[in-house]
Amino acid sequence: MPDLWGDGGSGAGFDGARLWISGYANDVPCYIPSRRILAEGGYEAEQSLWYYDRPARLSGEVEDLIHRAVTNRLPAVFRLDVKRAE
């Protein structure tokens, strides 16, 4: 998800100097397109999900759901300190 580093959006970004996010680790339920990709449509938003036995596109809320789940599970020490980042 493009917003995880705090470069816009919710402002609840994570400190990229302290946190490494690995995609497709341990299990790959499907490709998860960002809100931008879902809005653009095309292969990544539509057809790529067929290969993961997902017959329909994901909701536009999927990016927010993932961001909220990651934020809720990580200690606050991994959140971006805006004052320190400046």
N, C-alpha and C. Protein backbone atom coordinates (compact mmCIF):
# COMPACT_ATOMS: atom_id res chain seq x y z
N MET A 1 0.84 -1.16 0.00
CA MET A 1 0.00 0.00 0.00
C MET A 1 0.89 1.24 0.00
N PRO A 2 0.59 2.18 -0.84
CA PRO A 2 1.48 3.32 -0.99
C PRO A 2 1.49 4.28 0.18
N ASP A 3 0.49 4.26 1.04
CA ASP A 3 0.36 5.25 2.09
C ASP A 3 1.01 4.84 3.41
N LEU A 4 1.57 3.64 3.50
CA LEU A 4 2.07 3.14 4.77
C LEU A 4 3.22 3.95 5.34
N TRP A 5 3.97 4.64 4.50
CA TRP A 5 5.13 5.38 4.98
C TRP A 5 4.78 6.78 5.44
N GLY A 6 3.52 7.17 5.34
CA GLY A 6 3.13 8.49 5.82
C GLY A 6 3.35 9.58 4.81
N ASP A 7 3.37 9.22 3.53
CA ASP A 7 3.61 10.22 2.50
C ASP A 7 2.33 10.88 2.02
N GLY A 8 1.28 10.78 2.79
CA GLY A 8 0.02 11.41 2.42
C GLY A 8 -1.13 10.64 3.01
N GLY A 9 -2.31 11.17 2.87
CA GLY A 9 -3.50 10.46 3.33
C GLY A 9 -3.77 10.63 4.81
N SER A 10 -3.87 9.55 5.52
CA SER A 10 -4.36 9.56 6.90
C SER A 10 -3.39 10.20 7.89
N GLY A 11 -2.12 10.30 7.57
CA GLY A 11 -1.16 10.87 8.50
C GLY A 11 -0.69 9.89 9.56
N ALA A 12 -1.22 8.66 9.56
CA ALA A 12 -0.82 7.65 10.52
C ALA A 12 0.23 6.75 9.89
N GLY A 13 1.24 7.34 9.28
CA GLY A 13 2.27 6.59 8.57
C GLY A 13 3.23 5.92 9.52
N PHE A 14 4.09 5.08 8.94
CA PHE A 14 5.06 4.36 9.72
C PHE A 14 6.47 4.85 9.39
N ASP A 15 7.36 4.68 10.33
CA ASP A 15 8.74 5.12 10.18
C ASP A 15 9.49 4.15 9.27
N GLY A 16 9.72 4.54 8.04
CA GLY A 16 10.38 3.69 7.06
C GLY A 16 11.81 3.35 7.41
N ALA A 17 12.44 4.11 8.31
CA ALA A 17 13.80 3.81 8.74
C ALA A 17 13.83 2.69 9.77
N ARG A 18 12.68 2.38 10.35
CA ARG A 18 12.63 1.37 11.42
C ARG A 18 11.76 0.17 11.08
N LEU A 19 11.02 0.24 9.99
CA LEU A 19 10.06 -0.81 9.70
C LEU A 19 10.21 -1.27 8.25
N TRP A 20 10.26 -2.55 8.05
CA TRP A 20 10.36 -3.14 6.72
C TRP A 20 9.09 -3.92 6.47
N ILE A 21 8.36 -3.58 5.43
CA ILE A 21 7.14 -4.31 5.10
C ILE A 21 7.42 -5.21 3.91
N SER A 22 7.20 -6.49 4.10
CA SER A 22 7.42 -7.47 3.03
C SER A 22 6.08 -7.93 2.50
N GLY A 23 5.89 -7.79 1.22
CA GLY A 23 4.67 -8.29 0.60
C GLY A 23 4.84 -9.74 0.19
N TYR A 24 3.75 -10.44 0.08
CA TYR A 24 3.73 -11.84 -0.33
C TYR A 24 4.59 -12.72 0.58
N ALA A 25 4.57 -12.48 1.88
CA ALA A 25 5.34 -13.29 2.82
C ALA A 25 4.46 -14.37 3.44
N ASN A 26 5.00 -15.56 3.55
CA ASN A 26 4.37 -16.72 4.19
C ASN A 26 3.21 -17.32 3.41
N ASP A 27 2.33 -16.54 2.91
CA ASP A 27 1.19 -17.04 2.16
C ASP A 27 0.73 -15.93 1.22
N VAL A 28 0.24 -16.30 0.09
CA VAL A 28 -0.20 -15.30 -0.89
C VAL A 28 -1.67 -15.54 -1.19
N PRO A 29 -2.58 -14.89 -0.43
CA PRO A 29 -4.00 -15.11 -0.71
C PRO A 29 -4.43 -14.51 -2.04
N CYS A 30 -3.81 -13.41 -2.44
CA CYS A 30 -4.05 -12.80 -3.75
C CYS A 30 -3.26 -11.50 -3.83
N TYR A 31 -3.16 -10.97 -5.03
CA TYR A 31 -2.58 -9.64 -5.22
C TYR A 31 -3.58 -8.64 -4.67
N ILE A 32 -3.14 -7.69 -3.88
CA ILE A 32 -4.04 -6.69 -3.29
C ILE A 32 -3.72 -5.34 -3.92
N PRO A 33 -4.55 -4.91 -4.86
CA PRO A 33 -4.29 -3.64 -5.53
C PRO A 33 -4.61 -2.45 -4.62
N SER A 34 -3.90 -1.36 -4.83
CA SER A 34 -4.15 -0.13 -4.08
C SER A 34 -5.45 0.52 -4.58
N ARG A 35 -5.89 1.51 -3.86
CA ARG A 35 -7.10 2.26 -4.24
C ARG A 35 -6.92 2.86 -5.64
N ARG A 36 -5.73 3.37 -5.93
CA ARG A 36 -5.45 3.96 -7.24
C ARG A 36 -5.59 2.92 -8.35
N ILE A 37 -5.02 1.74 -8.14
CA ILE A 37 -5.10 0.68 -9.15
C ILE A 37 -6.55 0.23 -9.33
N LEU A 38 -7.29 0.12 -8.25
CA LEU A 38 -8.70 -0.26 -8.36
C LEU A 38 -9.48 0.76 -9.17
N ALA A 39 -9.18 2.04 -8.97
CA ALA A 39 -9.88 3.10 -9.72
C ALA A 39 -9.52 3.06 -11.20
N GLU A 40 -8.25 2.73 -11.49
CA GLU A 40 -7.82 2.67 -12.89
C GLU A 40 -8.38 1.46 -13.62
N GLY A 41 -8.66 0.38 -12.87
CA GLY A 41 -9.16 -0.85 -13.49
C GLY A 41 -8.06 -1.59 -14.21
N GLY A 42 -8.43 -2.47 -15.12
CA GLY A 42 -7.44 -3.22 -15.88
C GLY A 42 -7.07 -4.54 -15.23
N TYR A 43 -6.01 -5.14 -15.73
CA TYR A 43 -5.61 -6.49 -15.33
C TYR A 43 -5.42 -6.63 -13.82
N GLU A 44 -4.62 -5.75 -13.20
CA GLU A 44 -4.31 -5.90 -11.78
C GLU A 44 -5.55 -5.77 -10.90
N ALA A 45 -6.48 -4.93 -11.28
CA ALA A 45 -7.68 -4.73 -10.48
C ALA A 45 -8.76 -5.76 -10.76
N GLU A 46 -8.73 -6.36 -11.92
CA GLU A 46 -9.82 -7.25 -12.33
C GLU A 46 -9.36 -8.69 -12.54
N GLN A 47 -8.64 -8.95 -13.63
CA GLN A 47 -8.34 -10.32 -14.03
C GLN A 47 -7.31 -11.04 -13.16
N SER A 48 -6.38 -10.33 -12.53
CA SER A 48 -5.33 -11.01 -11.76
C SER A 48 -5.92 -11.82 -10.61
N LEU A 49 -7.06 -11.42 -10.12
CA LEU A 49 -7.67 -12.11 -8.98
C LEU A 49 -8.22 -13.49 -9.36
N TRP A 50 -8.50 -13.72 -10.62
CA TRP A 50 -9.02 -15.01 -11.06
C TRP A 50 -8.06 -16.14 -10.71
N TYR A 51 -6.76 -15.88 -10.82
CA TYR A 51 -5.75 -16.91 -10.58
C TYR A 51 -5.62 -17.27 -9.10
N TYR A 52 -6.21 -16.48 -8.24
CA TYR A 52 -6.21 -16.75 -6.80
C TYR A 52 -7.57 -17.23 -6.34
N ASP A 53 -8.41 -17.65 -7.27
CA ASP A 53 -9.75 -18.14 -6.98
C ASP A 53 -10.61 -17.05 -6.32
N ARG A 54 -10.40 -15.83 -6.75
CA ARG A 54 -11.20 -14.69 -6.30
C ARG A 54 -11.99 -14.21 -7.51
N PRO A 55 -13.27 -14.55 -7.60
CA PRO A 55 -14.04 -14.27 -8.82
C PRO A 55 -14.46 -12.82 -9.02
N ALA A 56 -14.26 -11.97 -8.02
CA ALA A 56 -14.70 -10.57 -8.14
C ALA A 56 -13.59 -9.64 -7.66
N ARG A 57 -13.67 -8.40 -8.08
CA ARG A 57 -12.68 -7.41 -7.65
C ARG A 57 -12.83 -7.11 -6.17
N LEU A 58 -11.77 -6.64 -5.56
CA LEU A 58 -11.79 -6.27 -4.15
C LEU A 58 -12.48 -4.92 -3.97
N SER A 59 -12.95 -4.68 -2.78
CA SER A 59 -13.60 -3.41 -2.46
C SER A 59 -12.58 -2.28 -2.47
N GLY A 60 -13.03 -1.09 -2.77
CA GLY A 60 -12.17 0.08 -2.72
C GLY A 60 -11.68 0.39 -1.32
N GLU A 61 -12.28 -0.24 -0.32
CA GLU A 61 -11.91 -0.01 1.08
C GLU A 61 -10.75 -0.90 1.53
N VAL A 62 -10.29 -1.81 0.67
CA VAL A 62 -9.28 -2.78 1.09
C VAL A 62 -8.00 -2.10 1.59
N GLU A 63 -7.59 -1.02 0.96
CA GLU A 63 -6.38 -0.31 1.40
C GLU A 63 -6.55 0.23 2.82
N ASP A 64 -7.70 0.82 3.10
CA ASP A 64 -7.96 1.35 4.45
C ASP A 64 -8.02 0.23 5.48
N LEU A 65 -8.63 -0.90 5.12
CA LEU A 65 -8.74 -2.03 6.04
C LEU A 65 -7.36 -2.57 6.41
N ILE A 66 -6.49 -2.70 5.43
CA ILE A 66 -5.14 -3.20 5.69
C ILE A 66 -4.34 -2.19 6.51
N HIS A 67 -4.43 -0.93 6.16
CA HIS A 67 -3.71 0.11 6.90
C HIS A 67 -4.15 0.12 8.35
N ARG A 68 -5.45 0.04 8.59
CA ARG A 68 -5.99 0.05 9.95
C ARG A 68 -5.52 -1.20 10.72
N ALA A 69 -5.54 -2.36 10.07
CA ALA A 69 -5.11 -3.59 10.74
C ALA A 69 -3.63 -3.54 11.11
N VAL A 70 -2.79 -3.06 10.20
CA VAL A 70 -1.36 -2.94 10.49
C VAL A 70 -1.12 -1.95 11.61
N THR A 71 -1.79 -0.81 11.56
CA THR A 71 -1.64 0.21 12.60
C THR A 71 -2.04 -0.32 13.97
N ASN A 72 -3.12 -1.09 14.02
CA ASN A 72 -3.60 -1.63 15.29
C ASN A 72 -2.69 -2.70 15.87
N ARG A 73 -1.91 -3.37 15.04
CA ARG A 73 -1.08 -4.47 15.51
C ARG A 73 0.37 -4.08 15.82
N LEU A 74 0.82 -2.98 15.29
CA LEU A 74 2.21 -2.58 15.53
C LEU A 74 2.32 -1.65 16.73
N PRO A 75 3.39 -1.79 17.50
CA PRO A 75 3.60 -0.86 18.59
C PRO A 75 3.74 0.57 18.07
N ALA A 76 3.34 1.52 18.88
CA ALA A 76 3.38 2.93 18.49
C ALA A 76 4.78 3.41 18.15
N VAL A 77 5.81 2.73 18.67
CA VAL A 77 7.19 3.14 18.41
C VAL A 77 7.54 3.06 16.93
N PHE A 78 6.79 2.29 16.14
CA PHE A 78 7.05 2.18 14.70
C PHE A 78 6.30 3.22 13.87
N ARG A 79 5.52 4.05 14.52
CA ARG A 79 4.81 5.11 13.77
C ARG A 79 5.76 6.25 13.48
N LEU A 80 5.48 6.94 12.41
CA LEU A 80 6.32 8.06 11.99
C LEU A 80 6.20 9.21 12.97
N ASP A 81 7.33 9.67 13.46
CA ASP A 81 7.38 10.85 14.31
C ASP A 81 7.61 12.04 13.39
N VAL A 82 6.55 12.79 13.10
CA VAL A 82 6.62 13.88 12.12
C VAL A 82 7.66 14.93 12.53
N LYS A 83 7.75 15.24 13.81
CA LYS A 83 8.71 16.23 14.26
C LYS A 83 10.14 15.76 14.04
N ARG A 84 10.39 14.47 14.28
CA ARG A 84 11.73 13.92 14.06
C ARG A 84 12.07 13.81 12.58
N ALA A 85 11.06 13.55 11.77
CA ALA A 85 11.27 13.39 10.33
C ALA A 85 11.63 14.69 9.64
N GLU A 86 11.19 15.82 10.19
CA GLU A 86 11.47 17.13 9.59
C GLU A 86 12.88 17.47 9.85
